[in-house]
C-alpha atoms as a PDB file:
ATOM      1  CA  MET A   1     137.274  50.840 140.586  1.00  0.00           C
ATOM      2  CA  VAL A   2     138.955  53.859 140.926  1.00  0.00           C
ATOM      3  CA  GLU A   3     141.892  53.989 144.003  1.00  0.00           C
ATOM      4  CA  SER A   4     143.040  57.275 144.462  1.00  0.00           C
ATOM      5  CA  PRO A   5     141.652  60.582 142.283  1.00  0.00           C
ATOM      6  CA  GLU A   6     142.839  61.127 138.609  1.00  0.00           C
ATOM      7  CA  ARG A   7     141.889  62.176 134.880  1.00  0.00           C
ATOM      8  CA  LEU A   8     138.963  59.816 133.310  1.00  0.00           C
ATOM      9  CA  GLU A   9     141.246  59.644 129.948  1.00  0.00           C
ATOM     10  CA  ILE A  10     144.251  58.911 132.027  1.00  0.00           C
ATOM     11  CA  PHE A  11     142.929  56.586 133.917  1.00  0.00           C
ATOM     12  CA  LEU A  12     141.593  54.340 131.212  1.00  0.00           C
ATOM     13  CA  LEU A  13     145.164  54.949 129.282  1.00  0.00           C
ATOM     14  CA  ALA A  14     146.709  53.482 131.998  1.00  0.00           C
ATOM     15  CA  ARG A  15     144.621  50.277 131.649  1.00  0.00           C
ATOM     16  CA  MET A  16     144.932  50.104 127.870  1.00  0.00           C
ATOM     17  CA  PRO A  17     148.325  51.283 126.899  1.00  0.00           C
ATOM     18  CA  ASN A  18     148.231  50.229 123.474  1.00  0.00           C
ATOM     19  CA  VAL A  19     145.154  52.609 122.698  1.00  0.00           C
ATOM     20  CA  SER A  20     145.415  55.567 120.350  1.00  0.00           C
ATOM     21  CA  ARG A  21     144.824  58.520 122.709  1.00  0.00           C
ATOM     22  CA  GLU A  22     143.356  60.176 120.323  1.00  0.00           C
ATOM     23  CA  SER A  23     140.535  57.588 119.547  1.00  0.00           C
ATOM     24  CA  LEU A  24     139.991  57.152 123.184  1.00  0.00           C
ATOM     25  CA  ARG A  25     139.327  61.078 123.362  1.00  0.00           C
ATOM     26  CA  ARG A  26     136.829  60.841 120.208  1.00  0.00           C
ATOM     27  CA  ALA A  27     134.755  57.841 121.676  1.00  0.00           C
ATOM     28  CA  LEU A  28     134.840  59.500 125.214  1.00  0.00           C
ATOM     29  CA  ALA A  29     133.536  62.649 123.587  1.00  0.00           C
ATOM     30  CA  ARG A  30     130.468  60.312 121.629  1.00  0.00           C
ATOM     31  CA  GLY A  31     129.679  59.426 124.940  1.00  0.00           C
ATOM     32  CA  ALA A  32     131.095  56.089 125.373  1.00  0.00           C
ATOM     33  CA  CYS A  33     131.804  55.722 128.960  1.00  0.00           C
ATOM     34  CA  GLU A  34     129.934  56.465 132.172  1.00  0.00           C
ATOM     35  CA  VAL A  35     131.316  57.433 135.519  1.00  0.00           C
ATOM     36  CA  ASP A  36     128.658  55.926 138.777  1.00  0.00           C
ATOM     37  CA  GLY A  37     126.351  56.068 135.583  1.00  0.00           C
ATOM     38  CA  VAL A  38     126.739  59.588 134.412  1.00  0.00           C
ATOM     39  CA  MET A  39     128.100  60.043 130.917  1.00  0.00           C
ATOM     40  CA  ARG A  40     131.355  61.822 131.580  1.00  0.00           C
ATOM     41  CA  HIS A  41     134.085  63.018 128.951  1.00  0.00           C
ATOM     42  CA  PHE A  42     137.704  62.905 128.647  1.00  0.00           C
ATOM     43  CA  GLY A  43     138.494  65.651 130.915  1.00  0.00           C
ATOM     44  CA  PHE A  44     136.541  64.739 133.867  1.00  0.00           C
ATOM     45  CA  ARG A  45     138.224  64.245 137.207  1.00  0.00           C
ATOM     46  CA  LEU A  46     137.684  60.671 138.956  1.00  0.00           C
ATOM     47  CA  GLY A  47     137.364  60.748 142.606  1.00  0.00           C
ATOM     48  CA  ALA A  48     138.648  57.634 144.745  1.00  0.00           C
ATOM     49  CA  GLY A  49     135.770  54.739 144.804  1.00  0.00           C
ATOM     50  CA  ALA A  50     134.093  55.717 141.196  1.00  0.00           C
ATOM     51  CA  ARG A  51     132.863  53.040 139.234  1.00  0.00           C
ATOM     52  CA  VAL A  52     133.985  53.400 135.287  1.00  0.00           C
ATOM     53  CA  GLU A  53     131.921  51.448 132.844  1.00  0.00           C
ATOM     54  CA  LEU A  54     133.282  52.070 129.095  1.00  0.00           C
ATOM     55  CA  HIS A  55     130.597  50.611 126.951  1.00  0.00           C
ATOM     56  CA  PRO A  56     131.569  47.301 125.147  1.00  0.00           C
ATOM     57  CA  ALA A  57     130.463  48.265 121.764  1.00  0.00           C
ATOM     58  CA  THR A  58     132.836  51.224 121.651  1.00  0.00           C
ATOM     59  CA  ARG A  59     135.753  50.815 118.835  1.00  0.00           C
ATOM     60  CA  LEU A  60     139.082  52.032 119.712  1.00  0.00           C
ATOM     61  CA  THR A  61     142.371  52.242 117.223  1.00  0.00           C
ATOM     62  CA  GLU A  62     145.188  50.017 118.830  1.00  0.00           C
ATOM     63  CA  VAL A  63     148.666  51.551 118.553  1.00  0.00           C
ATOM     64  CA  PRO A  64     150.982  48.743 119.049  1.00  0.00           C
ATOM     65  CA  PRO A  65     154.872  49.471 120.002  1.00  0.00           C
ATOM     66  CA  GLU A  66     157.130  48.400 117.453  1.00  0.00           C
ATOM     67  CA  GLN A  67     160.885  48.811 116.983  1.00  0.00           C
ATOM     68  CA  ILE A  68     161.475  50.911 114.194  1.00  0.00           C
ATOM     69  CA  PRO A  69     164.781  53.167 114.314  1.00  0.00           C
ATOM     70  CA  LEU A  70     164.381  57.072 114.291  1.00  0.00           C
ATOM     71  CA  GLU A  71     166.891  59.561 113.893  1.00  0.00           C
ATOM     72  CA  ILE A  72     166.901  61.745 117.108  1.00  0.00           C
ATOM     73  CA  LEU A  73     167.820  65.227 116.753  1.00  0.00           C
ATOM     74  CA  TYR A  74     166.655  66.414 120.705  1.00  0.00           C
ATOM     75  CA  GLU A  75     165.610  65.472 123.366  1.00  0.00           C
ATOM     76  CA  ASP A  76     165.079  66.588 127.326  1.00  0.00           C
ATOM     77  CA  ASP A  77     162.748  65.703 129.763  1.00  0.00           C
ATOM     78  CA  GLN A  78     159.875  66.809 128.422  1.00  0.00           C
ATOM     79  CA  LEU A  79     160.407  67.038 124.594  1.00  0.00           C
ATOM     80  CA  ILE A  80     161.692  64.494 121.665  1.00  0.00           C
ATOM     81  CA  ALA A  81     162.379  65.492 118.121  1.00  0.00           C
ATOM     82  CA  ILE A  82     162.828  63.217 115.281  1.00  0.00           C
ATOM     83  CA  ASN A  83     163.713  63.322 111.724  1.00  0.00           C
ATOM     84  CA  LYS A  84     160.790  62.224 110.052  1.00  0.00           C
ATOM     85  CA  PRO A  85     161.609  60.051 106.731  1.00  0.00           C
ATOM     86  CA  SER A  86     159.374  60.736 104.109  1.00  0.00           C
ATOM     87  CA  GLY A  87     156.455  58.020 103.271  1.00  0.00           C
ATOM     88  CA  MET A  88     156.084  57.863 106.779  1.00  0.00           C
ATOM     89  CA  LEU A  89     152.846  58.032 108.793  1.00  0.00           C
ATOM     90  CA  VAL A  90     152.785  60.144 111.524  1.00  0.00           C
ATOM     91  CA  HIS A  91     149.224  58.765 113.339  1.00  0.00           C
ATOM     92  CA  PRO A  92     147.786  55.230 112.794  1.00  0.00           C
ATOM     93  CA  THR A  93     144.590  55.301 110.794  1.00  0.00           C
ATOM     94  CA  SER A  94     141.799  52.678 110.478  1.00  0.00           C
ATOM     95  CA  HIS A  95     143.600  51.535 107.467  1.00  0.00           C
ATOM     96  CA  GLU A  96     147.111  51.199 108.695  1.00  0.00           C
ATOM     97  CA  ARG A  97     147.840  50.993 112.204  1.00  0.00           C
ATOM     98  CA  MET A  98     151.944  50.007 112.064  1.00  0.00           C
ATOM     99  CA  GLY A  99     154.661  51.795 110.749  1.00  0.00           C
ATOM    100  CA  THR A 100     153.918  55.061 112.000  1.00  0.00           C
ATOM    101  CA  VAL A 101     156.194  57.598 114.305  1.00  0.00           C
ATOM    102  CA  VAL A 102     153.404  56.949 117.004  1.00  0.00           C
ATOM    103  CA  ASN A 103     154.446  53.073 117.068  1.00  0.00           C
ATOM    104  CA  ALA A 104     157.627  53.931 116.958  1.00  0.00           C
ATOM    105  CA  LEU A 105     157.988  56.109 119.934  1.00  0.00           C
ATOM    106  CA  ARG A 106     155.709  53.581 121.887  1.00  0.00           C
ATOM    107  CA  GLY A 107     158.760  50.970 120.869  1.00  0.00           C
ATOM    108  CA  MET A 108     161.044  53.512 122.190  1.00  0.00           C
ATOM    109  CA  GLY A 109     159.382  53.815 125.582  1.00  0.00           C
ATOM    110  CA  TYR A 110     157.298  56.720 125.337  1.00  0.00           C
ATOM    111  CA  SER A 111     153.739  55.044 125.329  1.00  0.00           C
ATOM    112  CA  GLY A 112     152.149  58.822 126.085  1.00  0.00           C
ATOM    113  CA  ALA A 113     153.781  60.553 123.672  1.00  0.00           C
ATOM    114  CA  HIS A 114     151.979  63.132 122.195  1.00  0.00           C
ATOM    115  CA  ILE A 115     152.865  64.670 118.485  1.00  0.00           C
ATOM    116  CA  LEU A 116     152.431  68.450 119.114  1.00  0.00           C
ATOM    117  CA  HIS A 117     152.058  69.369 115.149  1.00  0.00           C
ATOM    118  CA  ARG A 118     151.539  67.931 111.613  1.00  0.00           C
ATOM    119  CA  LEU A 119     153.946  66.737 109.105  1.00  0.00           C
ATOM    120  CA  ASP A 120     152.062  64.592 106.189  1.00  0.00           C
ATOM    121  CA  ARG A 121     152.939  61.087 104.845  1.00  0.00           C
ATOM    122  CA  ALA A 122     155.200  62.403 102.264  1.00  0.00           C
ATOM    123  CA  THR A 123     156.943  65.684 103.832  1.00  0.00           C
ATOM    124  CA  SER A 124     160.276  64.558 105.838  1.00  0.00           C
ATOM    125  CA  GLY A 125     162.051  66.524 108.622  1.00  0.00           C
ATOM    126  CA  VAL A 126     161.716  67.868 111.985  1.00  0.00           C
ATOM    127  CA  LEU A 127     159.007  66.192 114.066  1.00  0.00           C
ATOM    128  CA  LEU A 128     158.191  67.646 117.336  1.00  0.00           C
ATOM    129  CA  ALA A 129     156.445  65.553 120.416  1.00  0.00           C
ATOM    130  CA  ALA A 130     155.828  65.942 124.040  1.00  0.00           C
ATOM    131  CA  LYS A 131     156.798  62.937 126.158  1.00  0.00           C
ATOM    132  CA  ALA A 132     153.626  63.483 128.150  1.00  0.00           C
ATOM    133  CA  LEU A 133     151.109  66.074 127.910  1.00  0.00           C
ATOM    134  CA  PRO A 134     149.610  67.304 131.405  1.00  0.00           C
ATOM    135  CA  ARG A 135     146.219  69.452 131.366  1.00  0.00           C
ATOM    136  CA  HIS A 136     146.947  72.545 130.407  1.00  0.00           C
ATOM    137  CA  SER A 137     150.835  72.347 129.736  1.00  0.00           C
ATOM    138  CA  PRO A 138     152.291  75.554 127.808  1.00  0.00           C
ATOM    139  CA  LEU A 139     153.338  72.727 125.224  1.00  0.00           C
ATOM    140  CA  ALA A 140     150.176  71.876 123.807  1.00  0.00           C
ATOM    141  CA  GLY A 141     149.259  75.552 122.570  1.00  0.00           C
ATOM    142  CA  MET A 142     152.812  76.711 121.299  1.00  0.00           C
ATOM    143  CA  PHE A 143     151.878  76.211 117.858  1.00  0.00           C
ATOM    144  CA  GLN A 144     148.502  77.384 118.047  1.00  0.00           C
ATOM    145  CA  LEU A 145     149.716  80.863 119.421  1.00  0.00           C
ATOM    146  CA  ARG A 146     152.576  80.738 116.672  1.00  0.00           C
ATOM    147  CA  GLN A 147     155.549  80.621 118.787  1.00  0.00           C
ATOM    148  CA  VAL A 148     157.220  78.142 116.962  1.00  0.00           C
ATOM    149  CA  GLU A 149     159.399  79.315 114.233  1.00  0.00           C
ATOM    150  CA  LYS A 150     159.325  77.014 111.126  1.00  0.00           C
ATOM    151  CA  LYS A 151     161.387  77.176 108.199  1.00  0.00           C
ATOM    152  CA  TYR A 152     160.989  74.190 105.214  1.00  0.00           C
ATOM    153  CA  LEU A 153     163.283  73.268 101.840  1.00  0.00           C
ATOM    154  CA  ALA A 154     161.339  72.813  99.054  1.00  0.00           C
ATOM    155  CA  ILE A 155     162.124  72.223  95.349  1.00  0.00           C
ATOM    156  CA  ALA A 156     159.651  73.700  92.826  1.00  0.00           C
ATOM    157  CA  ALA A 157     158.709  73.873  89.120  1.00  0.00           C
ATOM    158  CA  GLY A 158     157.737  76.221  86.607  1.00  0.00           C
ATOM    159  CA  LEU A 159     158.595  79.948  86.295  1.00  0.00           C
ATOM    160  CA  VAL A 160     159.903  81.423  89.167  1.00  0.00           C
ATOM    161  CA  ASP A 161     160.615  85.264  88.514  1.00  0.00           C
ATOM    162  CA  TRP A 162     160.858  86.047  91.461  1.00  0.00           C
ATOM    163  CA  THR A 163     163.658  86.387  94.336  1.00  0.00           C
ATOM    164  CA  GLU A 164     161.332  86.593  97.374  1.00  0.00           C
ATOM    165  CA  ARG A 165     157.727  86.776  97.948  1.00  0.00           C
ATOM    166  CA  VAL A 166     154.715  86.490 100.362  1.00  0.00           C
ATOM    167  CA  VAL A 167     152.079  84.186  99.768  1.00  0.00           C
ATOM    168  CA  ASP A 168     148.432  85.161 101.050  1.00  0.00           C
ATOM    169  CA  LEU A 169     145.820  83.321 100.137  1.00  0.00           C
ATOM    170  CA  PRO A 170     143.032  81.262 102.417  1.00  0.00           C
ATOM    171  CA  ILE A 171     143.181  77.649 102.754  1.00  0.00           C
ATOM    172  CA  GLY A 172     139.819  75.609 103.082  1.00  0.00           C
ATOM    173  CA  ARG A 173     137.385  72.518 101.939  1.00  0.00           C
ATOM    174  CA  ASP A 174     136.979  71.964  98.123  1.00  0.00           C
ATOM    175  CA  PRO A 175     134.453  68.967  98.062  1.00  0.00           C
ATOM    176  CA  GLU A 176     135.730  68.493  94.528  1.00  0.00           C
ATOM    177  CA  ARG A 177     138.905  67.074  95.213  1.00  0.00           C
ATOM    178  CA  PHE A 178     140.978  64.665  97.744  1.00  0.00           C
ATOM    179  CA  PRO A 179     142.737  65.812 100.101  1.00  0.00           C
ATOM    180  CA  PRO A 180     139.803  68.041 100.545  1.00  0.00           C
ATOM    181  CA  TRP A 181     142.123  71.047 101.110  1.00  0.00           C
ATOM    182  CA  ASN A 182     142.692  74.349  98.164  1.00  0.00           C
ATOM    183  CA  VAL A 183     142.919  77.918  97.857  1.00  0.00           C
ATOM    184  CA  SER A 184     139.022  78.807  99.181  1.00  0.00           C
ATOM    185  CA  PRO A 185     137.772  82.312  99.348  1.00  0.00           C
ATOM    186  CA  GLY A 186     135.875  81.207 102.262  1.00  0.00           C
ATOM    187  CA  GLY A 187     138.869  79.307 103.721  1.00  0.00           C
ATOM    188  CA  ALA A 188     141.052  79.882 106.616  1.00  0.00           C
ATOM    189  CA  GLU A 189     143.557  82.556 106.610  1.00  0.00           C
ATOM    190  CA  ALA A 190     147.230  81.792 105.376  1.00  0.00           C
ATOM    191  CA  GLN A 191     150.562  83.315 104.865  1.00  0.00           C
ATOM    192  CA  THR A 192     153.735  81.417 103.492  1.00  0.00           C
ATOM    193  CA  PHE A 193     156.910  83.696 102.911  1.00  0.00           C
ATOM    194  CA  LEU A 194     158.887  82.265 100.052  1.00  0.00           C
ATOM    195  CA  ARG A 195     162.800  82.919  99.230  1.00  0.00           C
ATOM    196  CA  VAL A 196     164.733  81.465  96.326  1.00  0.00           C
ATOM    197  CA  LEU A 197     167.972  80.016  97.214  1.00  0.00           C
ATOM    198  CA  GLU A 198     168.845  78.650  93.733  1.00  0.00           C
ATOM    199  CA  ARG A 199     167.648  78.261  90.466  1.00  0.00           C
ATOM    200  CA  GLY A 200     167.937  75.691  87.602  1.00  0.00           C
ATOM    201  CA  ASN A 201     166.597  74.693  84.583  1.00  0.00           C
ATOM    202  CA  GLY A 202     162.778  74.756  84.794  1.00  0.00           C
ATOM    203  CA  TRP A 203     163.290  74.703  88.889  1.00  0.00           C
ATOM    204  CA  ALA A 204     163.725  76.427  92.096  1.00  0.00           C
ATOM    205  CA  PHE A 205     165.313  75.444  95.294  1.00  0.00           C
ATOM    206  CA  LEU A 206     162.913  77.704  97.864  1.00  0.00           C
ATOM    207  CA  GLU A 207     163.187  78.083 101.677  1.00  0.00           C
ATOM    208  CA  ALA A 208     159.801  78.616 102.979  1.00  0.00           C
ATOM    209  CA  GLU A 209     158.660  79.830 106.015  1.00  0.00           C
ATOM    210  CA  PRO A 210     154.881  79.119 106.717  1.00  0.00           C
ATOM    211  CA  VAL A 211     153.316  81.694 108.971  1.00  0.00           C
ATOM    212  CA  THR A 212     150.198  79.906 109.896  1.00  0.00           C
ATOM    213  CA  GLY A 213     149.626  76.309 110.073  1.00  0.00           C
ATOM    214  CA  ARG A 214     147.140  74.714 107.273  1.00  0.00           C
ATOM    215  CA  THR A 215     146.666  71.644 106.177  1.00  0.00           C
ATOM    216  CA  ASN A 216     149.089  71.117 102.916  1.00  0.00           C
ATOM    217  CA  GLN A 217     150.085  75.027 103.307  1.00  0.00           C
ATOM    218  CA  ILE A 218     152.731  75.194 101.467  1.00  0.00           C
ATOM    219  CA  ARG A 219     151.974  72.509  98.147  1.00  0.00           C
ATOM    220  CA  ILE A 220     148.846  74.456  98.161  1.00  0.00           C
ATOM    221  CA  HIS A 221     150.586  77.883  98.032  1.00  0.00           C
ATOM    222  CA  CYS A 222     153.274  76.674  95.667  1.00  0.00           C
ATOM    223  CA  ALA A 223     150.547  75.420  93.119  1.00  0.00           C
ATOM    224  CA  ALA A 224     148.727  78.260  93.484  1.00  0.00           C
ATOM    225  CA  ILE A 225     151.158  80.682  92.256  1.00  0.00           C
ATOM    226  CA  GLY A 226     152.441  78.521  89.197  1.00  0.00           C
ATOM    227  CA  CYS A 227     155.122  76.903  90.785  1.00  0.00           C
ATOM    228  CA  PRO A 228     153.744  73.412  92.253  1.00  0.00           C
ATOM    229  CA  LEU A 229     156.486  71.047  93.875  1.00  0.00           C
ATOM    230  CA  VAL A 230     158.394  68.511  92.302  1.00  0.00           C
ATOM    231  CA  GLY A 231     156.707  65.311  93.261  1.00  0.00           C
ATOM    232  CA  ASP A 232     153.355  66.511  94.270  1.00  0.00           C
ATOM    233  CA  ALA A 233     150.962  64.577  92.234  1.00  0.00           C
ATOM    234  CA  VAL A 234     147.976  66.083  94.423  1.00  0.00           C
ATOM    235  CA  TYR A 235     148.894  69.381  93.133  1.00  0.00           C
ATOM    236  CA  GLY A 236     150.042  69.381  90.026  1.00  0.00           C
ATOM    237  CA  GLY A 237     153.726  68.799  90.396  1.00  0.00           C
ATOM    238  CA  VAL A 238     155.879  66.730  88.140  1.00  0.00           C
ATOM    239  CA  ALA A 239     156.788  63.271  88.609  1.00  0.00           C
ATOM    240  CA  SER A 240     159.819  62.653  91.225  1.00  0.00           C
ATOM    241  CA  THR A 241     160.702  59.530  93.774  1.00  0.00           C
ATOM    242  CA  ARG A 242     158.973  61.662  96.645  1.00  0.00           C
ATOM    243  CA  LEU A 243     157.650  65.150  97.355  1.00  0.00           C
ATOM    244  CA  MET A 244     160.590  67.424  97.178  1.00  0.00           C
ATOM    245  CA  LEU A 245     159.331  69.169 100.482  1.00  0.00           C
ATOM    246  CA  HIS A 246     161.313  69.026 103.869  1.00  0.00           C
ATOM    247  CA  ALA A 247     160.756  70.693 107.074  1.00  0.00           C
ATOM    248  CA  LEU A 248     164.144  72.153 107.996  1.00  0.00           C
ATOM    249  CA  SER A 249     163.941  73.372 111.412  1.00  0.00           C
ATOM    250  CA  LEU A 250     162.322  74.520 114.469  1.00  0.00           C
ATOM    251  CA  ARG A 251     162.688  77.147 116.767  1.00  0.00           C
ATOM    252  CA  PHE A 252     160.834  76.846 119.897  1.00  0.00           C
ATOM    253  CA  PRO A 253     160.401  78.028 123.400  1.00  0.00           C
ATOM    254  CA  LEU A 254     161.547  75.525 126.148  1.00  0.00           C
ATOM    255  CA  LEU A 255     159.719  75.474 129.220  1.00  0.00           C
ATOM    256  CA  ASP A 256     162.451  77.234 131.365  1.00  0.00           C
ATOM    257  CA  GLY A 257     162.132  80.430 129.002  1.00  0.00           C
ATOM    258  CA  GLY A 258     164.893  79.468 127.249  1.00  0.00           C
ATOM    259  CA  MET A 259     164.476  78.817 123.064  1.00  0.00           C
ATOM    260  CA  ARG A 260     165.770  75.905 121.142  1.00  0.00           C
ATOM    261  CA  GLU A 261     166.580  75.356 117.408  1.00  0.00           C
ATOM    262  CA  VAL A 262     166.409  71.979 116.000  1.00  0.00           C
ATOM    263  CA  VAL A 263     167.559  71.632 112.094  1.00  0.00           C
ATOM    264  CA  ALA A 264     166.874  68.023 109.776  1.00  0.00           C
ATOM    265  CA  ALA A 265     169.763  67.984 107.241  1.00  0.00           C
ATOM    266  CA  ARG A 266     168.649  68.276 103.819  1.00  0.00           C
ATOM    267  CA  PRO A 267     167.834  65.006 102.425  1.00  0.00           C
ATOM    268  CA  VAL A 268     169.876  63.012 100.065  1.00  0.00           C
ATOM    269  CA  GLU A 269     167.295  63.519  97.206  1.00  0.00           C
ATOM    270  CA  PHE A 270     167.605  66.863  96.912  1.00  0.00           C
ATOM    271  CA  ALA A 271     170.627  66.994  95.854  1.00  0.00           C
ATOM    272  CA  LEU A 272     170.448  64.093  93.383  1.00  0.00           C
ATOM    273  CA  PHE A 273     167.572  65.825  91.523  1.00  0.00           C
ATOM    274  CA  THR A 274     168.733  69.270  91.185  1.00  0.00           C
ATOM    275  CA  GLY A 275     172.387  68.979  91.662  1.00  0.00           C
ATOM    276  CA  VAL A 276     172.288  71.450  94.879  1.00  0.00           C
ATOM    277  CA  ARG A 277     175.054  70.539  97.123  1.00  0.00           C
END
């Protein structure tokens, strides 16, 4: 029984603190909850005295808190930025529910933390999260509105006979591969600016600035122009101890109108592989 007005999603999360917010939202979108006998979605505003019933067969993903050390790069009242290690998942999946960034943030006391953008498992570097995300918060849309400047470091193999270039190739689903993302004529627009910082024997040290934020965008674009990233077996890169892709920095707006840039130091593997210092 609801004691005071609040959103359905917030009401349920308060009573199931270890449940994944994303899995709860999916369940509510599928009609897993009724308020006073009527199916309601996650944004429904509950009134005092409402009776809330979650269907007993509803399957939700549990995200227990874990004591996992994370390097904190920036923190204020609303935001926290960490340096995500290569090999660490951001969100739990149905197969891996432990050892993720979200588990670690919950172990630090941020049970309502909301990751604001994507880094895949193999990519290291700056990852930004909101400690909480109230409805209509401007934090929720700043990546989609392209208010955030992103810079990556990458090591690519192959013939790189240019100094700067813009790769403008659409990215969409390719049912013949996994993960199912690649250059596709019918895909969404995607642009990446690439700059060569240093060259070696068969490799190039790159700075990459994605204008858009498609899944695996930098990896796909580099492979498409003949210089796949070192360690990227999915898109044809040569073998290495890790994927040589690092989210170097984010520059983003703060709620007080200012801007903040957060930088994650270059991983040691970059220097060990290339001799770059």
